[in-house]
PDB file of all heavy atoms in Angstrom:
ATOM      1  N   VAL A   1      73.987  89.753 101.576  1.00  0.00           N
ATOM      2  CA  VAL A   1      72.618  90.273 101.703  1.00  0.00           C
ATOM      3  C   VAL A   1      71.657  89.135 101.649  1.00  0.00           C
ATOM      4  O   VAL A   1      70.698  89.091 102.409  1.00  0.00           O
ATOM      5  CB  VAL A   1      72.331  91.256 100.421  1.00  0.00           C
ATOM      6  CG1 VAL A   1      70.931  91.880 100.592  1.00  0.00           C
ATOM      7  CG2 VAL A   1      73.394  92.220 100.195  1.00  0.00           C
ATOM      8  N   GLU A   2      71.816  88.213 100.682  1.00  0.00           N
ATOM      9  CA  GLU A   2      71.044  86.954 100.571  1.00  0.00           C
ATOM     10  C   GLU A   2      72.172  85.920 100.523  1.00  0.00           C
ATOM     11  O   GLU A   2      73.318  86.133 100.342  1.00  0.00           O
ATOM     12  CB  GLU A   2      70.245  86.904  99.309  1.00  0.00           C
ATOM     13  CG  GLU A   2      69.410  88.166  99.031  1.00  0.00           C
ATOM     14  CD  GLU A   2      68.145  88.181  99.792  1.00  0.00           C
ATOM     15  OE1 GLU A   2      67.842  87.116 100.391  1.00  0.00           O
ATOM     16  OE2 GLU A   2      67.433  89.196  99.878  1.00  0.00           O
ATOM     17  N   GLU A   3      71.727  84.645 100.598  1.00  0.00           N
ATOM     18  CA  GLU A   3      72.668  83.534 100.503  1.00  0.00           C
ATOM     19  C   GLU A   3      73.409  83.547  99.191  1.00  0.00           C
ATOM     20  O   GLU A   3      74.556  83.118  99.113  1.00  0.00           O
ATOM     21  CB  GLU A   3      71.938  82.225 100.657  1.00  0.00           C
ATOM     22  CG  GLU A   3      71.833  81.780 102.117  1.00  0.00           C
ATOM     23  CD  GLU A   3      71.147  80.404 102.265  1.00  0.00           C
ATOM     24  OE1 GLU A   3      71.377  79.548 101.371  1.00  0.00           O
ATOM     25  OE2 GLU A   3      70.412  80.279 103.252  1.00  0.00           O
ATOM     26  N   ASN A   4      72.747  84.096  98.171  1.00  0.00           N
ATOM     27  CA  ASN A   4      73.422  84.080  96.842  1.00  0.00           C
ATOM     28  C   ASN A   4      73.837  85.504  96.369  1.00  0.00           C
ATOM     29  O   ASN A   4      74.046  85.715  95.203  1.00  0.00           O
ATOM     30  CB  ASN A   4      72.528  83.404  95.784  1.00  0.00           C
ATOM     31  CG  ASN A   4      71.231  84.212  95.558  1.00  0.00           C
ATOM     32  OD1 ASN A   4      70.816  84.982  96.403  1.00  0.00           O
ATOM     33  ND2 ASN A   4      70.774  84.150  94.315  1.00  0.00           N
ATOM     34  N   LEU A   5      73.989  86.455  97.353  1.00  0.00           N
ATOM     35  CA  LEU A   5      74.404  87.798  96.964  1.00  0.00           C
ATOM     36  C   LEU A   5      75.405  88.349  97.990  1.00  0.00           C
ATOM     37  O   LEU A   5      75.007  88.681  99.055  1.00  0.00           O
ATOM     38  CB  LEU A   5      73.145  88.680  96.780  1.00  0.00           C
ATOM     39  CG  LEU A   5      73.395  90.202  96.510  1.00  0.00           C
ATOM     40  CD1 LEU A   5      74.362  90.412  95.408  1.00  0.00           C
ATOM     41  CD2 LEU A   5      72.084  90.901  96.267  1.00  0.00           C
ATOM     42  N   GLY A   6      76.694  88.365  97.635  1.00  0.00           N
ATOM     43  CA  GLY A   6      77.751  88.829  98.507  1.00  0.00           C
ATOM     44  C   GLY A   6      78.248  90.203  98.069  1.00  0.00           C
ATOM     45  O   GLY A   6      78.226  90.475  96.867  1.00  0.00           O
ATOM     46  N   VAL A   7      78.653  90.987  98.986  1.00  0.00           N
ATOM     47  CA  VAL A   7      79.125  92.345  98.710  1.00  0.00           C
ATOM     48  C   VAL A   7      80.446  92.668  99.358  1.00  0.00           C
ATOM     49  O   VAL A   7      80.715  92.207 100.510  1.00  0.00           O
ATOM     50  CB  VAL A   7      78.083  93.409  99.269  1.00  0.00           C
ATOM     51  CG1 VAL A   7      78.467  94.884  98.986  1.00  0.00           C
ATOM     52  CG2 VAL A   7      76.673  93.163  98.635  1.00  0.00           C
ATOM     53  N   MET A   8      81.302  93.433  98.637  1.00  0.00           N
ATOM     54  CA  MET A   8      82.471  93.842  99.298  1.00  0.00           C
ATOM     55  C   MET A   8      82.713  95.314  98.963  1.00  0.00           C
ATOM     56  O   MET A   8      82.506  95.721  97.741  1.00  0.00           O
ATOM     57  CB  MET A   8      83.720  93.060  98.744  1.00  0.00           C
ATOM     58  CG  MET A   8      85.045  93.443  99.358  1.00  0.00           C
ATOM     59  SD  MET A   8      85.109  93.427 101.180  1.00  0.00           S
ATOM     60  CE  MET A   8      85.111  91.738 101.532  1.00  0.00           C
ATOM     61  N   SER A   9      83.132  96.201  99.940  1.00  0.00           N
ATOM     62  CA  SER A   9      83.281  97.636  99.752  1.00  0.00           C
ATOM     63  C   SER A   9      84.289  98.171 100.718  1.00  0.00           C
ATOM     64  O   SER A   9      84.349  97.626 101.858  1.00  0.00           O
ATOM     65  CB  SER A   9      81.928  98.278  99.918  1.00  0.00           C
ATOM     66  OG  SER A   9      82.109  99.688  99.999  1.00  0.00           O
ATOM     67  N   VAL A  10      84.970  99.252 100.400  1.00  0.00           N
ATOM     68  CA  VAL A  10      85.819  99.907 101.358  1.00  0.00           C
ATOM     69  C   VAL A  10      84.994 100.476 102.524  1.00  0.00           C
ATOM     70  O   VAL A  10      85.484 100.692 103.653  1.00  0.00           O
ATOM     71  CB  VAL A  10      86.623 101.067 100.650  1.00  0.00           C
ATOM     72  CG1 VAL A  10      85.771 102.219 100.297  1.00  0.00           C
ATOM     73  CG2 VAL A  10      87.784 101.530 101.548  1.00  0.00           C
ATOM     74  N   GLY A  11      83.655 100.683 102.275  1.00  0.00           N
ATOM     75  CA  GLY A  11      82.769 101.167 103.293  1.00  0.00           C
ATOM     76  C   GLY A  11      82.731 100.230 104.525  1.00  0.00           C
ATOM     77  O   GLY A  11      82.546 100.711 105.697  1.00  0.00           O
ATOM     78  N   PHE A  12      83.027  98.967 104.348  1.00  0.00           N
ATOM     79  CA  PHE A  12      83.040  98.031 105.476  1.00  0.00           C
ATOM     80  C   PHE A  12      84.327  98.110 106.309  1.00  0.00           C
ATOM     81  O   PHE A  12      84.452  97.574 107.398  1.00  0.00           O
ATOM     82  CB  PHE A  12      82.900  96.538 105.016  1.00  0.00           C
ATOM     83  CG  PHE A  12      81.694  96.227 104.227  1.00  0.00           C
ATOM     84  CD1 PHE A  12      81.726  95.449 103.101  1.00  0.00           C
ATOM     85  CD2 PHE A  12      80.472  96.786 104.600  1.00  0.00           C
ATOM     86  CE1 PHE A  12      80.553  95.099 102.370  1.00  0.00           C
ATOM     87  CE2 PHE A  12      79.305  96.516 103.888  1.00  0.00           C
ATOM     88  CZ  PHE A  12      79.340  95.677 102.840  1.00  0.00           C
ATOM     89  N   LEU A  13      85.303  98.886 105.774  1.00  0.00           N
ATOM     90  CA  LEU A  13      86.644  98.911 106.442  1.00  0.00           C
ATOM     91  C   LEU A  13      86.741 100.266 107.226  1.00  0.00           C
ATOM     92  O   LEU A  13      87.742 100.516 107.876  1.00  0.00           O
ATOM     93  CB  LEU A  13      87.705  98.841 105.419  1.00  0.00           C
ATOM     94  CG  LEU A  13      87.723  97.616 104.525  1.00  0.00           C
ATOM     95  CD1 LEU A  13      88.881  97.723 103.449  1.00  0.00           C
ATOM     96  CD2 LEU A  13      87.843  96.353 105.327  1.00  0.00           C
ATOM     97  N   LEU A  14      85.716 101.128 107.054  1.00  0.00           N
ATOM     98  CA  LEU A  14      85.782 102.427 107.761  1.00  0.00           C
ATOM     99  C   LEU A  14      85.087 102.415 109.122  1.00  0.00           C
ATOM    100  O   LEU A  14      84.135 101.624 109.322  1.00  0.00           O
ATOM    101  CB  LEU A  14      85.050 103.497 106.864  1.00  0.00           C
ATOM    102  CG  LEU A  14      85.540 103.690 105.428  1.00  0.00           C
ATOM    103  CD1 LEU A  14      84.650 104.666 104.693  1.00  0.00           C
ATOM    104  CD2 LEU A  14      86.982 104.153 105.398  1.00  0.00           C
ATOM    105  N   SER A  15      85.604 103.168 110.102  1.00  0.00           N
ATOM    106  CA  SER A  15      85.011 103.121 111.413  1.00  0.00           C
ATOM    107  C   SER A  15      83.702 103.796 111.505  1.00  0.00           C
ATOM    108  O   SER A  15      82.871 103.517 112.280  1.00  0.00           O
ATOM    109  CB  SER A  15      85.980 103.686 112.417  1.00  0.00           C
ATOM    110  OG  SER A  15      86.391 104.971 112.007  1.00  0.00           O
ATOM    111  N   SER A  16      83.468 104.758 110.512  1.00  0.00           N
ATOM    112  CA  SER A  16      82.110 105.436 110.473  1.00  0.00           C
ATOM    113  C   SER A  16      81.826 105.758 108.988  1.00  0.00           C
ATOM    114  O   SER A  16      82.738 106.014 108.206  1.00  0.00           O
ATOM    115  CB  SER A  16      82.246 106.769 111.261  1.00  0.00           C
ATOM    116  OG  SER A  16      81.423 107.776 110.679  1.00  0.00           O
ATOM    117  N   PRO A  17      80.512 105.670 108.619  1.00  0.00           N
ATOM    118  CA  PRO A  17      80.173 106.010 107.209  1.00  0.00           C
ATOM    119  C   PRO A  17      80.517 107.408 106.815  1.00  0.00           C
ATOM    120  O   PRO A  17      80.571 107.805 105.652  1.00  0.00           O
ATOM    121  CB  PRO A  17      78.643 105.779 107.136  1.00  0.00           C
ATOM    122  CG  PRO A  17      78.209 105.490 108.473  1.00  0.00           C
ATOM    123  CD  PRO A  17      79.347 105.321 109.428  1.00  0.00           C
ATOM    124  N   ASP A  18      80.750 108.282 107.778  1.00  0.00           N
ATOM    125  CA  ASP A  18      81.143 109.697 107.468  1.00  0.00           C
ATOM    126  C   ASP A  18      82.647 109.912 107.310  1.00  0.00           C
ATOM    127  O   ASP A  18      83.106 110.977 107.030  1.00  0.00           O
ATOM    128  CB  ASP A  18      80.619 110.659 108.589  1.00  0.00           C
ATOM    129  CG  ASP A  18      79.130 110.588 108.671  1.00  0.00           C
ATOM    130  OD1 ASP A  18      78.489 110.224 107.674  1.00  0.00           O
ATOM    131  OD2 ASP A  18      78.595 110.932 109.742  1.00  0.00           O
ATOM    132  N   ASP A  19      83.466 108.829 107.552  1.00  0.00           N
ATOM    133  CA  ASP A  19      84.893 108.990 107.394  1.00  0.00           C
ATOM    134  C   ASP A  19      85.267 109.260 105.912  1.00  0.00           C
ATOM    135  O   ASP A  19      84.802 108.630 105.034  1.00  0.00           O
ATOM    136  CB  ASP A  19      85.659 107.683 107.792  1.00  0.00           C
ATOM    137  CG  ASP A  19      85.802 107.548 109.296  1.00  0.00           C
ATOM    138  OD1 ASP A  19      85.308 108.514 109.977  1.00  0.00           O
ATOM    139  OD2 ASP A  19      86.306 106.554 109.793  1.00  0.00           O
ATOM    140  N   ALA A  20      86.167 110.189 105.746  1.00  0.00           N
ATOM    141  CA  ALA A  20      86.712 110.553 104.397  1.00  0.00           C
ATOM    142  C   ALA A  20      87.906 109.627 104.110  1.00  0.00           C
ATOM    143  O   ALA A  20      88.733 109.469 104.968  1.00  0.00           O
ATOM    144  CB  ALA A  20      87.101 112.009 104.331  1.00  0.00           C
ATOM    145  N   VAL A  21      87.935 109.116 102.868  1.00  0.00           N
ATOM    146  CA  VAL A  21      89.025 108.304 102.445  1.00  0.00           C
ATOM    147  C   VAL A  21      89.944 109.249 101.684  1.00  0.00           C
ATOM    148  O   VAL A  21      89.634 109.659 100.527  1.00  0.00           O
ATOM    149  CB  VAL A  21      88.645 107.135 101.575  1.00  0.00           C
ATOM    150  CG1 VAL A  21      89.830 106.289 101.089  1.00  0.00           C
ATOM    151  CG2 VAL A  21      87.661 106.252 102.354  1.00  0.00           C
ATOM    152  N   ILE A  22      91.060 109.650 102.242  1.00  0.00           N
ATOM    153  CA  ILE A  22      91.948 110.628 101.623  1.00  0.00           C
ATOM    154  C   ILE A  22      93.236 109.865 101.264  1.00  0.00           C
ATOM    155  O   ILE A  22      94.218 109.829 101.972  1.00  0.00           O
ATOM    156  CB  ILE A  22      92.236 111.833 102.608  1.00  0.00           C
ATOM    157  CG1 ILE A  22      90.948 112.388 103.092  1.00  0.00           C
ATOM    158  CG2 ILE A  22      93.104 112.896 101.921  1.00  0.00           C
ATOM    159  CD1 ILE A  22      91.091 113.339 104.271  1.00  0.00           C
ATOM    160  N   TRP A  23      93.222 109.300 100.069  1.00  0.00           N
ATOM    161  CA  TRP A  23      94.322 108.388  99.593  1.00  0.00           C
ATOM    162  C   TRP A  23      94.755 108.856  98.207  1.00  0.00           C
ATOM    163  O   TRP A  23      94.070 109.311  97.419  1.00  0.00           O
ATOM    164  CB  TRP A  23      93.824 106.960  99.504  1.00  0.00           C
ATOM    165  CG  TRP A  23      93.497 106.260 100.699  1.00  0.00           C
ATOM    166  CD1 TRP A  23      93.712 106.709 101.983  1.00  0.00           C
ATOM    167  CD2 TRP A  23      92.980 104.930 100.867  1.00  0.00           C
ATOM    168  NE1 TRP A  23      93.302 105.776 102.858  1.00  0.00           N
ATOM    169  CE2 TRP A  23      92.880 104.678 102.269  1.00  0.00           C
ATOM    170  CE3 TRP A  23      92.607 103.952  99.958  1.00  0.00           C
ATOM    171  CZ2 TRP A  23      92.314 103.434 102.690  1.00  0.00           C
ATOM    172  CZ3 TRP A  23      92.177 102.762 100.392  1.00  0.00           C
ATOM    173  CH2 TRP A  23      92.032 102.519 101.799  1.00  0.00           C
ATOM    174  N   ARG A  24      96.074 108.654  98.031  1.00  0.00           N
ATOM    175  CA  ARG A  24      96.639 108.892  96.676  1.00  0.00           C
ATOM    176  C   ARG A  24      96.459 107.600  95.859  1.00  0.00           C
ATOM    177  O   ARG A  24      96.100 106.553  96.387  1.00  0.00           O
ATOM    178  CB  ARG A  24      98.099 109.183  96.757  1.00  0.00           C
ATOM    179  CG  ARG A  24      98.400 110.572  97.397  1.00  0.00           C
ATOM    180  CD  ARG A  24      99.857 110.906  97.226  1.00  0.00           C
ATOM    181  NE  ARG A  24     100.187 112.116  97.949  1.00  0.00           N
ATOM    182  CZ  ARG A  24     100.070 113.351  97.476  1.00  0.00           C
ATOM    183  NH1 ARG A  24      99.581 113.482  96.276  1.00  0.00           N
ATOM    184  NH2 ARG A  24     100.439 114.411  98.232  1.00  0.00           N
ATOM    185  N   GLY A  25      96.686 107.706  94.558  1.00  0.00           N
ATOM    186  CA  GLY A  25      96.533 106.590  93.650  1.00  0.00           C
ATOM    187  C   GLY A  25      97.060 105.257  94.022  1.00  0.00           C
ATOM    188  O   GLY A  25      96.343 104.221  94.089  1.00  0.00           O
ATOM    189  N   PRO A  26      98.366 105.182  94.438  1.00  0.00           N
ATOM    190  CA  PRO A  26      98.976 103.813  94.686  1.00  0.00           C
ATOM    191  C   PRO A  26      98.218 103.068  95.784  1.00  0.00           C
ATOM    192  O   PRO A  26      98.059 101.924  95.732  1.00  0.00           O
ATOM    193  CB  PRO A  26     100.386 104.188  95.121  1.00  0.00           C
ATOM    194  CG  PRO A  26     100.682 105.475  94.452  1.00  0.00           C
ATOM    195  CD  PRO A  26      99.373 106.180  94.422  1.00  0.00           C
ATOM    196  N   LYS A  27      97.733 103.862  96.791  1.00  0.00           N
ATOM    197  CA  LYS A  27      97.037 103.159  97.941  1.00  0.00           C
ATOM    198  C   LYS A  27      95.684 102.642  97.476  1.00  0.00           C
ATOM    199  O   LYS A  27      95.248 101.549  97.804  1.00  0.00           O
ATOM    200  CB  LYS A  27      96.940 104.108  99.105  1.00  0.00           C
ATOM    201  CG  LYS A  27      96.532 103.389 100.388  1.00  0.00           C
ATOM    202  CD  LYS A  27      96.642 104.208 101.609  1.00  0.00           C
ATOM    203  CE  LYS A  27      96.323 103.385 102.844  1.00  0.00           C
ATOM    204  NZ  LYS A  27      96.218 104.168 104.022  1.00  0.00           N
ATOM    205  N   LYS A  28      94.951 103.439  96.596  1.00  0.00           N
ATOM    206  CA  LYS A  28      93.739 102.954  96.047  1.00  0.00           C
ATOM    207  C   LYS A  28      93.947 101.689  95.167  1.00  0.00           C
ATOM    208  O   LYS A  28      93.206 100.707  95.291  1.00  0.00           O
ATOM    209  CB  LYS A  28      93.136 104.062  95.119  1.00  0.00           C
ATOM    210  CG  LYS A  28      92.605 105.280  95.824  1.00  0.00           C
ATOM    211  CD  LYS A  28      91.994 106.202  94.842  1.00  0.00           C
ATOM    212  CE  LYS A  28      91.641 107.518  95.361  1.00  0.00           C
ATOM    213  NZ  LYS A  28      91.144 108.447  94.285  1.00  0.00           N
ATOM    214  N   ASN A  29      94.941 101.762  94.346  1.00  0.00           N
ATOM    215  CA  ASN A  29      95.282 100.552  93.478  1.00  0.00           C
ATOM    216  C   ASN A  29      95.593  99.316  94.302  1.00  0.00           C
ATOM    217  O   ASN A  29      95.195  98.236  93.936  1.00  0.00           O
ATOM    218  CB  ASN A  29      96.441 100.863  92.555  1.00  0.00           C
ATOM    219  CG  ASN A  29      96.165 102.041  91.650  1.00  0.00           C
ATOM    220  OD1 ASN A  29      95.068 102.544  91.497  1.00  0.00           O
ATOM    221  ND2 ASN A  29      97.231 102.617  91.050  1.00  0.00           N
ATOM    222  N   GLY A  30      96.269  99.540  95.443  1.00  0.00           N
ATOM    223  CA  GLY A  30      96.632  98.430  96.295  1.00  0.00           C
ATOM    224  C   GLY A  30      95.365  97.779  96.883  1.00  0.00           C
ATOM    225  O   GLY A  30      95.324  96.568  96.995  1.00  0.00           O
TER     226      GLY A  30
END
């Protein structure tokens, strides 16, 4: 966002912000 503020989220890995993440526990933990 700024040079001194970095962000990581599963939201960056989805093809659309409306995509549902339908995962069981082990996949989330991974």
